[in-house]
């Protein structure tokens, strides 16, 4: 058993050793870096939203008269003004609309000037805007395609923060920075997502975890033989030498 355990442990650890290091490093990063910071909660402010009824001069009845197919109607804020947000079903794609609750004017899609003003309104830092771009297709991996079209606003900061604002609703739909992007890579390596598939290959993870258990068990067997069994044999040898002092 000792010899078998040694062979199994040696080859399994040779095979799995690198993955063990990857698990340790990625796991340590995900534990040590606070998850709220990773989520980017510190990048944006959370202004208190108070709707003023007297500002709703464009009534809901007027809205439904102009847009009889309106669905999912909500009242919200766009910086300092009240707005209506709703959708209109269409064959090609659902249309998202935002109106001023005072005049009924359409406010979306947002232009670049308005997107920059919103980004500076939401951003908690004081750094200037470094770059702004409108995304209409092929979004980066850090933004879901369901939020398109969206403005990406990058700020001049060592963490390279990016705020994504929906061009239709004016709401923040993503907040990312370098440490989030690094966390994403760490998580992918931690769960062994080495391909480009949308879902993790659970078979690969299962078999590596299974072999890791075998390596652990074989290591425990070796520990028994090299520590406890060796100590027991040493004690027996010492007792035997005391009983028979003349025996070499």
C-alpha atoms as a PDB file:
ATOM      1  CA  UNK A   1       0.000   0.000   0.000  1.00  0.00           C
ATOM      2  CA  UNK A   2       2.887   2.331   0.817  1.00  0.00           C
ATOM      3  CA  UNK A   3       4.475   1.870  -2.587  1.00  0.00           C
ATOM      4  CA  UNK A   4       1.176   2.180  -4.448  1.00  0.00           C
ATOM      5  CA  UNK A   5       0.245   5.356  -2.573  1.00  0.00           C
ATOM      6  CA  UNK A   6       3.658   6.872  -3.344  1.00  0.00           C
ATOM      7  CA  UNK A   7       3.289   6.210  -7.085  1.00  0.00           C
ATOM      8  CA  UNK A   8      -0.286   7.523  -7.223  1.00  0.00           C
ATOM      9  CA  UNK A   9       0.535  10.631  -5.212  1.00  0.00           C
ATOM     10  CA  UNK A  10       3.664  11.439  -7.215  1.00  0.00           C
ATOM     11  CA  UNK A  11       2.022  11.275 -10.622  1.00  0.00           C
ATOM     12  CA  UNK A  12      -1.237  12.910  -9.623  1.00  0.00           C
ATOM     13  CA  UNK A  13       0.564  15.831  -7.963  1.00  0.00           C
ATOM     14  CA  UNK A  14       2.786  16.169 -11.028  1.00  0.00           C
ATOM     15  CA  UNK A  15      -0.370  16.376 -13.127  1.00  0.00           C
ATOM     16  CA  UNK A  16      -2.433  18.580 -10.804  1.00  0.00           C
ATOM     17  CA  UNK A  17       0.235  20.678  -9.129  1.00  0.00           C
ATOM     18  CA  UNK A  18      -0.074  23.629 -11.517  1.00  0.00           C
ATOM     19  CA  UNK A  19      -3.846  23.687 -11.159  1.00  0.00           C
ATOM     20  CA  UNK A  20      -3.449  23.635  -7.361  1.00  0.00           C
ATOM     21  CA  UNK A  21      -1.295  26.758  -7.640  1.00  0.00           C
ATOM     22  CA  UNK A  22      -3.907  28.393  -9.889  1.00  0.00           C
ATOM     23  CA  UNK A  23      -6.665  27.568  -7.393  1.00  0.00           C
ATOM     24  CA  UNK A  24      -4.612  29.005  -4.535  1.00  0.00           C
ATOM     25  CA  UNK A  25      -3.693  32.270  -6.275  1.00  0.00           C
ATOM     26  CA  UNK A  26      -7.117  32.937  -7.777  1.00  0.00           C
ATOM     27  CA  UNK A  27      -8.905  31.959  -4.585  1.00  0.00           C
ATOM     28  CA  UNK A  28      -6.704  34.266  -2.533  1.00  0.00           C
ATOM     29  CA  UNK A  29      -7.433  37.206  -4.849  1.00  0.00           C
ATOM     30  CA  UNK A  30     -11.186  36.635  -4.697  1.00  0.00           C
ATOM     31  CA  UNK A  31     -11.072  36.441  -0.895  1.00  0.00           C
ATOM     32  CA  UNK A  32      -8.732  39.351  -0.157  1.00  0.00           C
ATOM     33  CA  UNK A  33     -10.331  41.927  -2.503  1.00  0.00           C
ATOM     34  CA  UNK A  34     -13.682  43.124  -1.149  1.00  0.00           C
ATOM     35  CA  UNK A  35     -16.558  42.060  -3.397  1.00  0.00           C
ATOM     36  CA  UNK A  36     -18.333  45.443  -3.122  1.00  0.00           C
ATOM     37  CA  UNK A  37     -15.246  47.110  -4.582  1.00  0.00           C
ATOM     38  CA  UNK A  38     -15.130  44.514  -7.343  1.00  0.00           C
ATOM     39  CA  UNK A  39     -18.764  45.253  -8.184  1.00  0.00           C
ATOM     40  CA  UNK A  40     -17.779  48.892  -8.690  1.00  0.00           C
ATOM     41  CA  UNK A  41     -20.192  50.229  -6.059  1.00  0.00           C
ATOM     42  CA  UNK A  42     -17.625  52.832  -5.033  1.00  0.00           C
ATOM     43  CA  UNK A  43     -17.396  54.192  -8.585  1.00  0.00           C
ATOM     44  CA  UNK A  44     -20.801  55.828  -8.639  1.00  0.00           C
ATOM     45  CA  UNK A  45     -22.899  57.915  -6.297  1.00  0.00           C
ATOM     46  CA  UNK A  46     -26.354  56.823  -5.220  1.00  0.00           C
ATOM     47  CA  UNK A  47     -28.419  60.011  -5.308  1.00  0.00           C
ATOM     48  CA  UNK A  48     -31.713  59.996  -3.453  1.00  0.00           C
ATOM     49  CA  UNK A  49     -34.554  59.882  -5.965  1.00  0.00           C
ATOM     50  CA  UNK A  50     -37.604  61.966  -5.031  1.00  0.00           C
ATOM     51  CA  UNK A  51     -40.359  62.377  -7.571  1.00  0.00           C
ATOM     52  CA  UNK A  52     -42.171  65.717  -7.393  1.00  0.00           C
ATOM     53  CA  UNK A  53     -45.803  65.214  -8.448  1.00  0.00           C
ATOM     54  CA  UNK A  54     -46.174  68.866  -9.483  1.00  0.00           C
ATOM     55  CA  UNK A  55     -43.459  68.267 -12.111  1.00  0.00           C
ATOM     56  CA  UNK A  56     -45.593  65.609 -13.870  1.00  0.00           C
ATOM     57  CA  UNK A  57     -47.293  68.150 -16.111  1.00  0.00           C
ATOM     58  CA  UNK A  58     -47.421  65.699 -19.004  1.00  0.00           C
ATOM     59  CA  UNK A  59     -50.023  63.312 -17.626  1.00  0.00           C
ATOM     60  CA  UNK A  60     -50.221  59.557 -17.955  1.00  0.00           C
ATOM     61  CA  UNK A  61     -53.469  59.949 -19.910  1.00  0.00           C
ATOM     62  CA  UNK A  62     -51.656  62.097 -22.469  1.00  0.00           C
ATOM     63  CA  UNK A  63     -48.888  59.536 -22.703  1.00  0.00           C
ATOM     64  CA  UNK A  64     -51.333  56.685 -23.360  1.00  0.00           C
ATOM     65  CA  UNK A  65     -53.180  58.792 -25.898  1.00  0.00           C
ATOM     66  CA  UNK A  66     -49.975  59.368 -27.852  1.00  0.00           C
ATOM     67  CA  UNK A  67     -48.546  55.872 -27.245  1.00  0.00           C
ATOM     68  CA  UNK A  68     -51.534  53.507 -26.815  1.00  0.00           C
ATOM     69  CA  UNK A  69     -49.283  50.414 -26.976  1.00  0.00           C
ATOM     70  CA  UNK A  70     -47.002  51.567 -24.186  1.00  0.00           C
ATOM     71  CA  UNK A  71     -45.963  48.860 -21.700  1.00  0.00           C
ATOM     72  CA  UNK A  72     -43.937  48.742 -18.479  1.00  0.00           C
ATOM     73  CA  UNK A  73     -44.423  52.442 -17.806  1.00  0.00           C
ATOM     74  CA  UNK A  74     -42.374  53.874 -14.955  1.00  0.00           C
ATOM     75  CA  UNK A  75     -41.674  57.326 -13.550  1.00  0.00           C
ATOM     76  CA  UNK A  76     -38.093  58.183 -12.665  1.00  0.00           C
ATOM     77  CA  UNK A  77     -35.416  60.826 -12.738  1.00  0.00           C
ATOM     78  CA  UNK A  78     -32.889  61.906 -15.319  1.00  0.00           C
ATOM     79  CA  UNK A  79     -30.566  63.979 -13.175  1.00  0.00           C
ATOM     80  CA  UNK A  80     -32.821  66.833 -12.040  1.00  0.00           C
ATOM     81  CA  UNK A  81     -35.895  66.200 -14.198  1.00  0.00           C
ATOM     82  CA  UNK A  82     -38.782  63.728 -13.975  1.00  0.00           C
ATOM     83  CA  UNK A  83     -39.167  61.334 -16.903  1.00  0.00           C
ATOM     84  CA  UNK A  84     -41.362  58.518 -18.153  1.00  0.00           C
ATOM     85  CA  UNK A  85     -39.707  55.311 -19.278  1.00  0.00           C
ATOM     86  CA  UNK A  86     -41.650  52.637 -21.162  1.00  0.00           C
ATOM     87  CA  UNK A  87     -41.470  50.158 -24.008  1.00  0.00           C
ATOM     88  CA  UNK A  88     -43.479  49.614 -27.178  1.00  0.00           C
ATOM     89  CA  UNK A  89     -43.599  46.054 -28.570  1.00  0.00           C
ATOM     90  CA  UNK A  90     -42.484  45.673 -32.177  1.00  0.00           C
ATOM     91  CA  UNK A  91     -41.905  42.792 -34.545  1.00  0.00           C
ATOM     92  CA  UNK A  92     -38.208  43.475 -35.048  1.00  0.00           C
ATOM     93  CA  UNK A  93     -37.250  44.566 -31.529  1.00  0.00           C
ATOM     94  CA  UNK A  94     -38.869  46.161 -28.517  1.00  0.00           C
ATOM     95  CA  UNK A  95     -38.623  49.944 -28.659  1.00  0.00           C
ATOM     96  CA  UNK A  96     -37.499  51.755 -25.510  1.00  0.00           C
ATOM     97  CA  UNK A  97     -38.735  55.315 -25.057  1.00  0.00           C
ATOM     98  CA  UNK A  98     -38.014  58.044 -22.509  1.00  0.00           C
ATOM     99  CA  UNK A  99     -40.115  61.193 -22.318  1.00  0.00           C
ATOM    100  CA  UNK A 100     -39.927  64.375 -20.308  1.00  0.00           C
ATOM    101  CA  UNK A 101     -42.673  64.300 -17.684  1.00  0.00           C
ATOM    102  CA  UNK A 102     -43.038  68.068 -18.043  1.00  0.00           C
ATOM    103  CA  UNK A 103     -43.247  68.547 -21.790  1.00  0.00           C
ATOM    104  CA  UNK A 104     -43.686  65.067 -23.253  1.00  0.00           C
ATOM    105  CA  UNK A 105     -40.624  65.538 -25.458  1.00  0.00           C
ATOM    106  CA  UNK A 106     -38.563  62.467 -26.297  1.00  0.00           C
ATOM    107  CA  UNK A 107     -35.215  62.460 -24.542  1.00  0.00           C
ATOM    108  CA  UNK A 108     -33.718  59.278 -25.948  1.00  0.00           C
ATOM    109  CA  UNK A 109     -31.565  58.126 -27.534  1.00  0.00           C
ATOM    110  CA  UNK A 110     -29.065  60.215 -25.619  1.00  0.00           C
ATOM    111  CA  UNK A 111     -26.514  62.265 -27.498  1.00  0.00           C
ATOM    112  CA  UNK A 112     -22.857  62.434 -26.530  1.00  0.00           C
ATOM    113  CA  UNK A 113     -23.162  65.684 -24.586  1.00  0.00           C
ATOM    114  CA  UNK A 114     -25.968  64.308 -22.438  1.00  0.00           C
ATOM    115  CA  UNK A 115     -24.113  61.006 -21.913  1.00  0.00           C
ATOM    116  CA  UNK A 116     -21.036  62.875 -20.659  1.00  0.00           C
ATOM    117  CA  UNK A 117     -23.158  64.988 -18.310  1.00  0.00           C
ATOM    118  CA  UNK A 118     -24.807  61.861 -16.903  1.00  0.00           C
ATOM    119  CA  UNK A 119     -21.456  60.101 -16.488  1.00  0.00           C
ATOM    120  CA  UNK A 120     -20.055  63.021 -14.481  1.00  0.00           C
ATOM    121  CA  UNK A 121     -23.295  63.145 -12.480  1.00  0.00           C
ATOM    122  CA  UNK A 122     -23.065  59.458 -11.517  1.00  0.00           C
ATOM    123  CA  UNK A 123     -19.274  59.182 -11.160  1.00  0.00           C
ATOM    124  CA  UNK A 124     -18.073  59.403  -7.548  1.00  0.00           C
ATOM    125  CA  UNK A 125     -14.543  60.496  -8.431  1.00  0.00           C
ATOM    126  CA  UNK A 126     -13.179  63.814  -9.619  1.00  0.00           C
ATOM    127  CA  UNK A 127     -11.058  62.601 -12.550  1.00  0.00           C
ATOM    128  CA  UNK A 128     -11.880  63.945 -16.029  1.00  0.00           C
ATOM    129  CA  UNK A 129     -13.329  61.875 -18.834  1.00  0.00           C
ATOM    130  CA  UNK A 130     -10.643  60.224 -20.934  1.00  0.00           C
ATOM    131  CA  UNK A 131     -12.743  58.680 -23.699  1.00  0.00           C
ATOM    132  CA  UNK A 132     -16.378  58.215 -24.707  1.00  0.00           C
ATOM    133  CA  UNK A 133     -17.884  55.947 -27.349  1.00  0.00           C
ATOM    134  CA  UNK A 134     -21.318  54.695 -28.387  1.00  0.00           C
ATOM    135  CA  UNK A 135     -21.717  50.909 -28.512  1.00  0.00           C
ATOM    136  CA  UNK A 136     -24.411  49.605 -30.840  1.00  0.00           C
ATOM    137  CA  UNK A 137     -23.155  46.085 -31.482  1.00  0.00           C
ATOM    138  CA  UNK A 138     -20.388  43.669 -30.471  1.00  0.00           C
ATOM    139  CA  UNK A 139     -20.137  44.853 -26.859  1.00  0.00           C
ATOM    140  CA  UNK A 140     -17.057  43.993 -24.769  1.00  0.00           C
ATOM    141  CA  UNK A 141     -17.229  40.913 -22.557  1.00  0.00           C
ATOM    142  CA  UNK A 142     -17.991  43.074 -19.516  1.00  0.00           C
ATOM    143  CA  UNK A 143     -21.310  44.377 -20.862  1.00  0.00           C
ATOM    144  CA  UNK A 144     -24.375  42.330 -21.776  1.00  0.00           C
ATOM    145  CA  UNK A 145     -25.713  42.843 -25.305  1.00  0.00           C
ATOM    146  CA  UNK A 146     -29.219  43.386 -23.910  1.00  0.00           C
ATOM    147  CA  UNK A 147     -28.126  46.856 -22.715  1.00  0.00           C
ATOM    148  CA  UNK A 148     -27.250  48.091 -26.207  1.00  0.00           C
ATOM    149  CA  UNK A 149     -27.142  50.771 -27.401  1.00  0.00           C
ATOM    150  CA  UNK A 150     -25.033  52.164 -24.569  1.00  0.00           C
ATOM    151  CA  UNK A 151     -22.424  54.845 -24.026  1.00  0.00           C
ATOM    152  CA  UNK A 152     -19.079  53.790 -22.606  1.00  0.00           C
ATOM    153  CA  UNK A 153     -17.325  56.545 -20.658  1.00  0.00           C
ATOM    154  CA  UNK A 154     -13.746  55.978 -19.472  1.00  0.00           C
ATOM    155  CA  UNK A 155     -12.184  58.126 -16.757  1.00  0.00           C
ATOM    156  CA  UNK A 156      -8.542  59.027 -16.174  1.00  0.00           C
ATOM    157  CA  UNK A 157      -7.725  56.888 -13.150  1.00  0.00           C
ATOM    158  CA  UNK A 158      -5.125  54.214 -12.394  1.00  0.00           C
ATOM    159  CA  UNK A 159      -7.915  51.591 -12.163  1.00  0.00           C
ATOM    160  CA  UNK A 160      -9.207  52.566 -15.642  1.00  0.00           C
ATOM    161  CA  UNK A 161     -12.870  52.847 -14.565  1.00  0.00           C
ATOM    162  CA  UNK A 162     -15.595  52.625 -17.205  1.00  0.00           C
ATOM    163  CA  UNK A 163     -19.239  53.569 -16.747  1.00  0.00           C
ATOM    164  CA  UNK A 164     -21.841  52.263 -19.178  1.00  0.00           C
ATOM    165  CA  UNK A 165     -25.009  54.323 -19.603  1.00  0.00           C
ATOM    166  CA  UNK A 166     -27.999  53.126 -21.586  1.00  0.00           C
ATOM    167  CA  UNK A 167     -28.677  55.390 -24.540  1.00  0.00           C
ATOM    168  CA  UNK A 168     -32.396  54.613 -24.181  1.00  0.00           C
ATOM    169  CA  UNK A 169     -32.992  55.013 -20.445  1.00  0.00           C
ATOM    170  CA  UNK A 170     -30.075  57.139 -19.234  1.00  0.00           C
ATOM    171  CA  UNK A 171     -29.477  54.626 -16.440  1.00  0.00           C
ATOM    172  CA  UNK A 172     -26.155  53.103 -15.435  1.00  0.00           C
ATOM    173  CA  UNK A 173     -26.104  49.562 -16.828  1.00  0.00           C
ATOM    174  CA  UNK A 174     -22.483  48.716 -16.001  1.00  0.00           C
ATOM    175  CA  UNK A 175     -19.542  49.902 -13.923  1.00  0.00           C
ATOM    176  CA  UNK A 176     -16.212  48.240 -14.456  1.00  0.00           C
ATOM    177  CA  UNK A 177     -12.547  48.774 -13.645  1.00  0.00           C
ATOM    178  CA  UNK A 178      -9.234  46.939 -13.941  1.00  0.00           C
ATOM    179  CA  UNK A 179      -9.694  45.018 -10.692  1.00  0.00           C
ATOM    180  CA  UNK A 180     -13.110  43.769 -11.854  1.00  0.00           C
ATOM    181  CA  UNK A 181     -11.621  42.630 -15.142  1.00  0.00           C
ATOM    182  CA  UNK A 182      -8.823  40.874 -13.271  1.00  0.00           C
ATOM    183  CA  UNK A 183     -11.402  39.290 -10.950  1.00  0.00           C
ATOM    184  CA  UNK A 184     -13.283  37.984 -13.988  1.00  0.00           C
ATOM    185  CA  UNK A 185     -10.136  36.301 -15.276  1.00  0.00           C
ATOM    186  CA  UNK A 186      -9.368  34.921 -11.822  1.00  0.00           C
ATOM    187  CA  UNK A 187     -12.849  33.442 -11.539  1.00  0.00           C
ATOM    188  CA  UNK A 188     -12.594  31.835 -14.973  1.00  0.00           C
ATOM    189  CA  UNK A 189      -9.287  30.191 -14.077  1.00  0.00           C
ATOM    190  CA  UNK A 190     -10.629  29.171 -10.658  1.00  0.00           C
ATOM    191  CA  UNK A 191     -13.558  27.250 -12.175  1.00  0.00           C
ATOM    192  CA  UNK A 192     -11.369  26.025 -15.061  1.00  0.00           C
ATOM    193  CA  UNK A 193     -13.286  27.883 -17.736  1.00  0.00           C
ATOM    194  CA  UNK A 194     -10.476  27.690 -20.280  1.00  0.00           C
ATOM    195  CA  UNK A 195     -12.670  27.807 -23.376  1.00  0.00           C
ATOM    196  CA  UNK A 196     -14.860  30.469 -24.910  1.00  0.00           C
ATOM    197  CA  UNK A 197     -18.088  28.651 -24.128  1.00  0.00           C
ATOM    198  CA  UNK A 198     -20.845  30.503 -22.290  1.00  0.00           C
ATOM    199  CA  UNK A 199     -21.064  27.760 -19.659  1.00  0.00           C
ATOM    200  CA  UNK A 200     -18.307  26.121 -17.646  1.00  0.00           C
ATOM    201  CA  UNK A 201     -17.237  22.606 -18.673  1.00  0.00           C
ATOM    202  CA  UNK A 202     -18.384  20.820 -15.531  1.00  0.00           C
ATOM    203  CA  UNK A 203     -16.925  17.506 -16.728  1.00  0.00           C
ATOM    204  CA  UNK A 204     -13.392  18.902 -16.711  1.00  0.00           C
ATOM    205  CA  UNK A 205     -13.883  20.465 -13.288  1.00  0.00           C
ATOM    206  CA  UNK A 206     -15.389  17.243 -11.928  1.00  0.00           C
ATOM    207  CA  UNK A 207     -12.558  14.977 -13.070  1.00  0.00           C
ATOM    208  CA  UNK A 208      -9.820  17.324 -11.882  1.00  0.00           C
ATOM    209  CA  UNK A 209     -11.560  17.622  -8.503  1.00  0.00           C
ATOM    210  CA  UNK A 210     -11.929  13.821  -8.362  1.00  0.00           C
ATOM    211  CA  UNK A 211      -8.241  13.287  -9.102  1.00  0.00           C
ATOM    212  CA  UNK A 212      -7.406  15.948  -6.512  1.00  0.00           C
ATOM    213  CA  UNK A 213      -9.323  13.929  -3.894  1.00  0.00           C
ATOM    214  CA  UNK A 214      -7.358  10.799  -4.865  1.00  0.00           C
ATOM    215  CA  UNK A 215      -4.112  12.745  -4.563  1.00  0.00           C
ATOM    216  CA  UNK A 216      -5.162  13.929  -1.108  1.00  0.00           C
ATOM    217  CA  UNK A 217      -6.072  10.429   0.048  1.00  0.00           C
ATOM    218  CA  UNK A 218      -2.808   8.993  -1.235  1.00  0.00           C
ATOM    219  CA  UNK A 219      -0.973  11.805   0.553  1.00  0.00           C
ATOM    220  CA  UNK A 220      -2.712  10.915   3.817  1.00  0.00           C
ATOM    221  CA  UNK A 221      -1.673   7.287   3.361  1.00  0.00           C
ATOM    222  CA  UNK A 222       1.931   8.384   2.855  1.00  0.00           C
ATOM    223  CA  UNK A 223       1.673  10.570   5.956  1.00  0.00           C
ATOM    224  CA  UNK A 224       0.591   7.551   7.971  1.00  0.00           C
ATOM    225  CA  UNK A 225       3.481   5.398   6.788  1.00  0.00           C
ATOM    226  CA  UNK A 226       6.138   8.104   7.004  1.00  0.00           C
ATOM    227  CA  UNK A 227       5.096   9.622  10.331  1.00  0.00           C
ATOM    228  CA  UNK A 228       2.922   7.402  12.477  1.00  0.00           C
ATOM    229  CA  UNK A 229       4.140   4.020  11.203  1.00  0.00           C
ATOM    230  CA  UNK A 230       7.761   5.168  11.254  1.00  0.00           C
ATOM    231  CA  UNK A 231       7.361   6.482  14.823  1.00  0.00           C
ATOM    232  CA  UNK A 232       5.772   3.218  15.920  1.00  0.00           C
ATOM    233  CA  UNK A 233       8.594   1.180  14.367  1.00  0.00           C
ATOM    234  CA  UNK A 234      11.168   3.437  16.018  1.00  0.00           C
ATOM    235  CA  UNK A 235       9.527   2.972  19.418  1.00  0.00           C
ATOM    236  CA  UNK A 236       9.500  -0.802  18.956  1.00  0.00           C
ATOM    237  CA  UNK A 237      13.176  -0.719  18.005  1.00  0.00           C
ATOM    238  CA  UNK A 238      14.042   1.287  21.140  1.00  0.00           C
ATOM    239  CA  UNK A 239      12.097  -1.109  23.394  1.00  0.00           C
ATOM    240  CA  UNK A 240      13.796  -4.080  21.770  1.00  0.00           C
ATOM    241  CA  UNK A 241      17.252  -2.580  22.309  1.00  0.00           C
ATOM    242  CA  UNK A 242      16.512  -1.994  26.010  1.00  0.00           C
ATOM    243  CA  UNK A 243      15.368  -5.582  26.504  1.00  0.00           C
ATOM    244  CA  UNK A 244      18.332  -6.967  24.581  1.00  0.00           C
ATOM    245  CA  UNK A 245      21.189  -4.504  25.076  1.00  0.00           C
ATOM    246  CA  UNK A 246      23.765  -6.870  23.696  1.00  0.00           C
ATOM    247  CA  UNK A 247      22.014  -7.325  20.374  1.00  0.00           C
ATOM    248  CA  UNK A 248      23.411  -5.113  17.607  1.00  0.00           C
END
